[in-house]
C-alpha atoms as a PDB file:
ATOM      1  CA  MET A   1       8.631   2.044  40.115  1.00  0.00           C
ATOM      2  CA  SER A   2       6.776   2.994  36.934  1.00  0.00           C
ATOM      3  CA  SER A   3       3.348   1.731  35.873  1.00  0.00           C
ATOM      4  CA  ARG A   4       5.038  -0.289  33.128  1.00  0.00           C
ATOM      5  CA  GLU A   5       7.301  -2.026  35.649  1.00  0.00           C
ATOM      6  CA  ARG A   6       4.400  -2.774  37.977  1.00  0.00           C
ATOM      7  CA  ILE A   7       2.320  -4.335  35.147  1.00  0.00           C
ATOM      8  CA  LEU A   8       5.226  -6.446  33.870  1.00  0.00           C
ATOM      9  CA  GLY A   9       5.924  -7.556  37.441  1.00  0.00           C
ATOM     10  CA  ARG A  10       2.379  -8.773  37.813  1.00  0.00           C
ATOM     11  CA  VAL A  11       2.597 -10.645  34.537  1.00  0.00           C
ATOM     12  CA  ARG A  12       5.829 -12.371  35.618  1.00  0.00           C
ATOM     13  CA  ARG A  13       4.287 -13.400  38.934  1.00  0.00           C
ATOM     14  CA  ALA A  14       1.222 -14.741  37.182  1.00  0.00           C
ATOM     15  CA  LEU A  15       3.390 -16.829  34.861  1.00  0.00           C
ATOM     16  CA  ALA A  16       5.821 -18.039  37.531  1.00  0.00           C
ATOM     17  CA  ASP A  17       4.291 -21.528  37.838  1.00  0.00           C
ATOM     18  CA  VAL A  18       3.532 -21.994  34.115  1.00  0.00           C
ATOM     19  CA  PRO A  19       5.733 -24.705  32.529  1.00  0.00           C
ATOM     20  CA  ALA A  20       8.178 -23.520  29.909  1.00  0.00           C
ATOM     21  CA  ASP A  21       7.015 -24.162  26.334  1.00  0.00           C
ATOM     22  CA  ASP A  22       9.715 -24.306  23.701  1.00  0.00           C
ATOM     23  CA  VAL A  23       7.335 -24.887  20.788  1.00  0.00           C
ATOM     24  CA  PRO A  24       7.802 -22.075  18.242  1.00  0.00           C
ATOM     25  CA  TYR A  25       4.780 -19.853  17.764  1.00  0.00           C
ATOM     26  CA  GLU A  26       4.518 -20.821  14.115  1.00  0.00           C
ATOM     27  CA  ASP A  27       4.119 -24.499  15.144  1.00  0.00           C
ATOM     28  CA  ALA A  28       1.921 -23.881  18.156  1.00  0.00           C
ATOM     29  CA  VAL A  29      -0.775 -22.046  16.180  1.00  0.00           C
ATOM     30  CA  PHE A  30      -2.560 -24.169  13.592  1.00  0.00           C
ATOM     31  CA  ARG A  31      -3.048 -22.422  10.265  1.00  0.00           C
ATOM     32  CA  ASP A  32      -4.815 -25.119   8.332  1.00  0.00           C
ATOM     33  CA  TYR A  33      -7.644 -22.791   7.191  1.00  0.00           C
ATOM     34  CA  LEU A  34      -8.372 -22.002   3.585  1.00  0.00           C
ATOM     35  CA  ARG A  35      -6.053 -19.373   2.157  1.00  0.00           C
ATOM     36  CA  ARG A  36      -8.528 -18.352  -0.525  1.00  0.00           C
ATOM     37  CA  HIS A  37     -12.122 -18.938  -1.447  1.00  0.00           C
ATOM     38  CA  GLY A  38     -13.361 -19.838  -4.941  1.00  0.00           C
ATOM     39  CA  ASP A  39     -11.298 -20.252  -8.087  1.00  0.00           C
ATOM     40  CA  LEU A  40     -11.276 -16.835  -9.714  1.00  0.00           C
ATOM     41  CA  ASP A  41      -8.560 -16.359 -12.273  1.00  0.00           C
ATOM     42  CA  VAL A  42      -6.312 -13.258 -12.312  1.00  0.00           C
ATOM     43  CA  PRO A  43      -8.712 -11.031 -14.353  1.00  0.00           C
ATOM     44  CA  GLY A  44     -11.593 -12.134 -12.158  1.00  0.00           C
ATOM     45  CA  THR A  45      -9.661 -11.352  -8.991  1.00  0.00           C
ATOM     46  CA  VAL A  46      -8.806  -7.837 -10.295  1.00  0.00           C
ATOM     47  CA  GLU A  47     -12.488  -7.243 -11.165  1.00  0.00           C
ATOM     48  CA  LEU A  48     -13.492  -8.355  -7.690  1.00  0.00           C
ATOM     49  CA  LEU A  49     -11.038  -5.892  -6.178  1.00  0.00           C
ATOM     50  CA  ALA A  50     -12.445  -3.072  -8.297  1.00  0.00           C
ATOM     51  CA  GLU A  51     -16.035  -3.942  -7.343  1.00  0.00           C
ATOM     52  CA  ASN A  52     -15.320  -4.091  -3.619  1.00  0.00           C
ATOM     53  CA  LEU A  53     -13.248  -0.852  -3.705  1.00  0.00           C
ATOM     54  CA  ALA A  54     -16.189   0.931  -5.385  1.00  0.00           C
ATOM     55  CA  ASP A  55     -18.603  -0.668  -2.855  1.00  0.00           C
ATOM     56  CA  TYR A  56     -16.564   1.070  -0.128  1.00  0.00           C
ATOM     57  CA  ARG A  57     -16.959   4.358  -2.076  1.00  0.00           C
ATOM     58  CA  ALA A  58     -13.431   4.500  -3.317  1.00  0.00           C
ATOM     59  CA  LEU A  59     -13.035   5.957  -6.811  1.00  0.00           C
ATOM     60  CA  VAL A  60     -11.445   3.354  -9.124  1.00  0.00           C
ATOM     61  CA  HIS A  61      -9.455   4.229 -12.255  1.00  0.00           C
ATOM     62  CA  ARG A  62      -7.636   2.018 -14.731  1.00  0.00           C
ATOM     63  CA  THR A  63      -4.664   2.803 -16.970  1.00  0.00           C
ATOM     64  CA  ASP A  64      -1.350   1.397 -18.092  1.00  0.00           C
ATOM     65  CA  ALA A  65       2.146   2.487 -17.195  1.00  0.00           C
ATOM     66  CA  VAL A  66       2.379   4.872 -20.074  1.00  0.00           C
ATOM     67  CA  GLY A  67      -0.888   6.616 -19.233  1.00  0.00           C
ATOM     68  CA  LEU A  68      -0.301   6.752 -15.444  1.00  0.00           C
ATOM     69  CA  PRO A  69       1.386  10.258 -15.287  1.00  0.00           C
ATOM     70  CA  ALA A  70      -1.410  11.868 -17.316  1.00  0.00           C
ATOM     71  CA  LEU A  71      -4.101  10.187 -15.230  1.00  0.00           C
ATOM     72  CA  ILE A  72      -2.564  11.308 -11.931  1.00  0.00           C
ATOM     73  CA  ALA A  73      -2.281  14.856 -13.281  1.00  0.00           C
ATOM     74  CA  ARG A  74      -5.969  14.785 -14.206  1.00  0.00           C
ATOM     75  CA  LEU A  75      -6.990  13.506 -10.791  1.00  0.00           C
ATOM     76  CA  LEU A  76      -5.052  16.213  -9.023  1.00  0.00           C
ATOM     77  CA  ASP A  77      -6.341  18.914 -11.355  1.00  0.00           C
ATOM     78  CA  GLY A  78      -9.900  17.626 -10.997  1.00  0.00           C
ATOM     79  CA  ARG A  79      -9.578  17.871  -7.248  1.00  0.00           C
ATOM     80  CA  GLY A  80      -8.267  21.451  -7.590  1.00  0.00           C
ATOM     81  CA  SER A  81      -5.134  20.491  -5.677  1.00  0.00           C
ATOM     82  CA  GLU A  82      -2.406  23.055  -5.380  1.00  0.00           C
ATOM     83  CA  THR A  83      -0.059  20.903  -3.293  1.00  0.00           C
ATOM     84  CA  VAL A  84       0.677  17.180  -3.263  1.00  0.00           C
ATOM     85  CA  LEU A  85       2.613  15.290  -0.636  1.00  0.00           C
ATOM     86  CA  VAL A  86       5.230  12.986  -2.124  1.00  0.00           C
ATOM     87  CA  PRO A  87       6.822  10.027  -0.257  1.00  0.00           C
ATOM     88  CA  PRO A  88      10.606   9.938  -0.601  1.00  0.00           C
ATOM     89  CA  GLY A  89      10.672   6.759  -2.711  1.00  0.00           C
ATOM     90  CA  LEU A  90       7.823   7.533  -5.064  1.00  0.00           C
ATOM     91  CA  ASP A  91       8.599   7.088  -8.762  1.00  0.00           C
ATOM     92  CA  ALA A  92       9.196  10.642 -10.024  1.00  0.00           C
ATOM     93  CA  GLY A  93       7.720   9.728 -13.382  1.00  0.00           C
ATOM     94  CA  TRP A  94       4.254   9.277 -11.837  1.00  0.00           C
ATOM     95  CA  LEU A  95       4.034  13.030 -11.318  1.00  0.00           C
ATOM     96  CA  ALA A  96       5.891  14.027 -14.490  1.00  0.00           C
ATOM     97  CA  GLU A  97       2.838  15.631 -16.096  1.00  0.00           C
ATOM     98  CA  SER A  98       1.448  17.321 -13.048  1.00  0.00           C
ATOM     99  CA  LYS A  99       2.109  21.018 -12.311  1.00  0.00           C
ATOM    100  CA  VAL A 100       0.967  20.762  -8.723  1.00  0.00           C
ATOM    101  CA  ARG A 101       3.572  21.868  -6.195  1.00  0.00           C
ATOM    102  CA  ARG A 102       5.310  18.926  -4.535  1.00  0.00           C
ATOM    103  CA  VAL A 103       5.604  18.802  -0.726  1.00  0.00           C
ATOM    104  CA  ALA A 104       8.281  16.563   0.761  1.00  0.00           C
ATOM    105  CA  ASP A 105       7.507  14.276   3.688  1.00  0.00           C
ATOM    106  CA  ARG A 106       9.486  15.829   6.541  1.00  0.00           C
ATOM    107  CA  PRO A 107       9.597  14.297  10.052  1.00  0.00           C
ATOM    108  CA  GLU A 108       9.351  17.724  11.645  1.00  0.00           C
ATOM    109  CA  ASP A 109       6.019  18.589   9.945  1.00  0.00           C
ATOM    110  CA  SER A 110       3.152  18.860  12.398  1.00  0.00           C
ATOM    111  CA  PRO A 111      -0.331  17.410  11.746  1.00  0.00           C
ATOM    112  CA  TYR A 112      -1.477  21.027  11.201  1.00  0.00           C
ATOM    113  CA  GLU A 113       1.041  21.476   8.407  1.00  0.00           C
ATOM    114  CA  LEU A 114       0.072  18.120   6.863  1.00  0.00           C
ATOM    115  CA  ASP A 115      -3.578  19.150   7.012  1.00  0.00           C
ATOM    116  CA  ARG A 116      -2.855  22.084   4.742  1.00  0.00           C
ATOM    117  CA  VAL A 117      -1.658  19.711   2.003  1.00  0.00           C
ATOM    118  CA  ASP A 118      -4.384  19.099  -0.579  1.00  0.00           C
ATOM    119  CA  SER A 119      -3.461  15.559  -1.765  1.00  0.00           C
ATOM    120  CA  VAL A 120      -1.044  12.714  -1.287  1.00  0.00           C
ATOM    121  CA  VAL A 121       0.063  10.149  -3.931  1.00  0.00           C
ATOM    122  CA  THR A 122       1.424   6.763  -2.877  1.00  0.00           C
ATOM    123  CA  GLY A 123       2.007   3.231  -4.008  1.00  0.00           C
ATOM    124  CA  CYS A 124       0.922   0.280  -1.933  1.00  0.00           C
ATOM    125  CA  ALA A 125       2.290  -3.057  -0.603  1.00  0.00           C
ATOM    126  CA  VAL A 126      -0.662  -5.283  -1.592  1.00  0.00           C
ATOM    127  CA  ALA A 127      -4.392  -5.103  -2.430  1.00  0.00           C
ATOM    128  CA  VAL A 128      -6.948  -7.667  -1.220  1.00  0.00           C
ATOM    129  CA  ALA A 129      -9.756  -8.427  -3.669  1.00  0.00           C
ATOM    130  CA  GLU A 130     -12.187 -10.157  -1.297  1.00  0.00           C
ATOM    131  CA  THR A 131     -12.272  -7.249   1.127  1.00  0.00           C
ATOM    132  CA  GLY A 132     -11.496  -4.296  -1.168  1.00  0.00           C
ATOM    133  CA  THR A 133      -8.543  -3.422   1.054  1.00  0.00           C
ATOM    134  CA  ILE A 134      -5.344  -1.582   0.225  1.00  0.00           C
ATOM    135  CA  VAL A 135      -2.390  -2.276   2.567  1.00  0.00           C
ATOM    136  CA  LEU A 136       0.485   0.163   3.079  1.00  0.00           C
ATOM    137  CA  ASP A 137       3.647  -0.925   4.810  1.00  0.00           C
ATOM    138  CA  GLY A 138       5.688   2.295   5.028  1.00  0.00           C
ATOM    139  CA  SER A 139       7.969   1.482   2.105  1.00  0.00           C
ATOM    140  CA  GLY A 140       9.628   4.296   0.201  1.00  0.00           C
ATOM    141  CA  ASP A 141       6.782   4.776  -2.261  1.00  0.00           C
ATOM    142  CA  GLN A 142       4.248   4.938   0.571  1.00  0.00           C
ATOM    143  CA  GLY A 143       5.952   6.983   3.234  1.00  0.00           C
ATOM    144  CA  ARG A 144       5.103   7.236   6.890  1.00  0.00           C
ATOM    145  CA  ARG A 145       1.637   6.296   8.080  1.00  0.00           C
ATOM    146  CA  ARG A 146       0.517   9.841   9.011  1.00  0.00           C
ATOM    147  CA  ILE A 147       0.941  11.246   5.467  1.00  0.00           C
ATOM    148  CA  THR A 148      -1.960   9.038   4.269  1.00  0.00           C
ATOM    149  CA  LEU A 149      -4.130   9.777   7.354  1.00  0.00           C
ATOM    150  CA  VAL A 150      -4.056  13.556   7.507  1.00  0.00           C
ATOM    151  CA  PRO A 151      -4.449  14.940   3.939  1.00  0.00           C
ATOM    152  CA  ASP A 152      -8.009  14.889   2.705  1.00  0.00           C
ATOM    153  CA  HIS A 153      -7.357  13.298  -0.717  1.00  0.00           C
ATOM    154  CA  HIS A 154      -5.335  10.116  -1.275  1.00  0.00           C
ATOM    155  CA  VAL A 155      -4.406   8.726  -4.674  1.00  0.00           C
ATOM    156  CA  CYS A 156      -3.065   5.173  -4.329  1.00  0.00           C
ATOM    157  CA  VAL A 157      -1.473   3.287  -7.212  1.00  0.00           C
ATOM    158  CA  VAL A 158      -1.821  -0.525  -7.348  1.00  0.00           C
ATOM    159  CA  ARG A 159       0.234  -2.518  -9.854  1.00  0.00           C
ATOM    160  CA  VAL A 160      -1.956  -5.114 -11.605  1.00  0.00           C
ATOM    161  CA  PRO A 161      -1.728  -8.021 -11.269  1.00  0.00           C
ATOM    162  CA  ASP A 162       1.507  -8.183  -9.247  1.00  0.00           C
ATOM    163  CA  GLN A 163       0.135  -6.486  -6.102  1.00  0.00           C
ATOM    164  CA  VAL A 164      -3.358  -8.002  -6.157  1.00  0.00           C
ATOM    165  CA  VAL A 165      -4.230 -11.109  -4.094  1.00  0.00           C
ATOM    166  CA  ALA A 166      -7.568 -12.782  -3.538  1.00  0.00           C
ATOM    167  CA  SER A 167      -7.684 -13.096   0.232  1.00  0.00           C
ATOM    168  CA  VAL A 168      -6.367 -11.728   3.556  1.00  0.00           C
ATOM    169  CA  PRO A 169      -4.325 -14.871   4.247  1.00  0.00           C
ATOM    170  CA  GLU A 170      -2.537 -14.449   0.953  1.00  0.00           C
ATOM    171  CA  ALA A 171      -1.873 -10.815   1.762  1.00  0.00           C
ATOM    172  CA  LEU A 172      -0.445 -11.716   5.157  1.00  0.00           C
ATOM    173  CA  GLY A 173       1.984 -14.043   3.498  1.00  0.00           C
ATOM    174  CA  ARG A 174       3.445 -11.072   1.567  1.00  0.00           C
ATOM    175  CA  LEU A 175       3.631  -8.654   4.477  1.00  0.00           C
ATOM    176  CA  ASP A 176       6.315  -8.203   7.149  1.00  0.00           C
ATOM    177  CA  PRO A 177       4.560  -7.949  10.523  1.00  0.00           C
ATOM    178  CA  ARG A 178       7.439  -5.861  11.831  1.00  0.00           C
ATOM    179  CA  ARG A 179       6.544  -2.997   9.468  1.00  0.00           C
ATOM    180  CA  PRO A 180       3.929  -0.316  10.179  1.00  0.00           C
ATOM    181  CA  LEU A 181       0.949  -1.764   8.310  1.00  0.00           C
ATOM    182  CA  THR A 182      -2.035   0.433   7.423  1.00  0.00           C
ATOM    183  CA  TRP A 183      -5.137  -1.392   6.113  1.00  0.00           C
ATOM    184  CA  ILE A 184      -7.430   0.862   4.104  1.00  0.00           C
ATOM    185  CA  SER A 185     -10.913  -0.184   2.996  1.00  0.00           C
ATOM    186  CA  GLY A 186     -12.360   2.884   1.261  1.00  0.00           C
ATOM    187  CA  PRO A 187     -12.346   6.471   2.464  1.00  0.00           C
ATOM    188  CA  SER A 188     -12.308   7.220   6.181  1.00  0.00           C
ATOM    189  CA  ALA A 189     -15.879   6.808   7.463  1.00  0.00           C
ATOM    190  CA  THR A 190     -17.875   6.196  10.625  1.00  0.00           C
ATOM    191  CA  SER A 191     -21.544   6.137  11.605  1.00  0.00           C
ATOM    192  CA  ASP A 192     -23.289   7.247  14.761  1.00  0.00           C
ATOM    193  CA  ILE A 193     -26.032   5.281  16.579  1.00  0.00           C
ATOM    194  CA  GLU A 194     -28.598   6.467  14.020  1.00  0.00           C
ATOM    195  CA  LEU A 195     -26.357   5.161  11.137  1.00  0.00           C
ATOM    196  CA  ASP A 196     -25.643   8.652   9.804  1.00  0.00           C
ATOM    197  CA  ARG A 197     -22.428   8.213   7.861  1.00  0.00           C
ATOM    198  CA  VAL A 198     -19.665  10.762   8.282  1.00  0.00           C
ATOM    199  CA  GLU A 199     -16.553  10.689   6.148  1.00  0.00           C
ATOM    200  CA  GLY A 200     -13.123  12.114   6.867  1.00  0.00           C
ATOM    201  CA  VAL A 201     -13.126  11.659  10.639  1.00  0.00           C
ATOM    202  CA  HIS A 202      -9.861   9.740  10.898  1.00  0.00           C
ATOM    203  CA  GLY A 203      -8.438   9.820   7.394  1.00  0.00           C
ATOM    204  CA  PRO A 204      -9.019  11.040   3.848  1.00  0.00           C
ATOM    205  CA  ARG A 205     -12.564  11.766   2.724  1.00  0.00           C
ATOM    206  CA  THR A 206     -11.600  10.846  -0.836  1.00  0.00           C
ATOM    207  CA  LEU A 207      -9.672   7.721  -1.829  1.00  0.00           C
ATOM    208  CA  GLU A 208      -8.832   7.269  -5.479  1.00  0.00           C
ATOM    209  CA  VAL A 209      -7.309   3.891  -6.454  1.00  0.00           C
ATOM    210  CA  VAL A 210      -5.488   3.625  -9.770  1.00  0.00           C
ATOM    211  CA  LEU A 211      -5.172   0.053 -11.114  1.00  0.00           C
ATOM    212  CA  VAL A 212      -2.192   0.259 -13.399  1.00  0.00           C
ATOM    213  CA  SER A 213      -1.209  -2.568 -15.732  1.00  0.00           C
ATOM    214  CA  GLY A 214       2.117  -3.046 -17.456  1.00  0.00           C
ATOM    215  CA  GLU A 215       4.165  -1.849 -14.521  1.00  0.00           C
END
């Protein structure tokens, strides 16, 4: 018998005398809390997102759909990137003005191979203004989770205002819990007991968020 089977057996025995409950989970858990706080309009919500992203030490840029390829090219050149990881569903036009060598996301690539890539460019699923959080769900323009956790430089494109919400409850309403969700609040960082901040321990040291309007 495996450890898994032993643990599940103990759970079944512990629940043997518990009455059956046919109430669906959605009805059993009350969700009558506020879904958002305050009454910010759309521009105010986008500004709050930009402020909180910057507070988390993300670098925030703004452009429109026409200027997006040139901006991404400048960000990659400014970083000195020679390679950029490209999710399979990323809009090819986003990198149209960049001369950086594209690297495809391949399942067989090891973390060591991913670590040699200079940058990664992705879209996102949703952005939360109140917490300054970008959420990725593994869609085609975002790729697998590991491609945004290993390379040291992440450029993430957020469509404004379509992908911006005020609060976490609003974000949850847009997300599929069955997908691999990655919640990103600024560059990877941690602090030791003396509060010395170290960046890049478990993700990119540099997060650049592009708020693009007119998408």
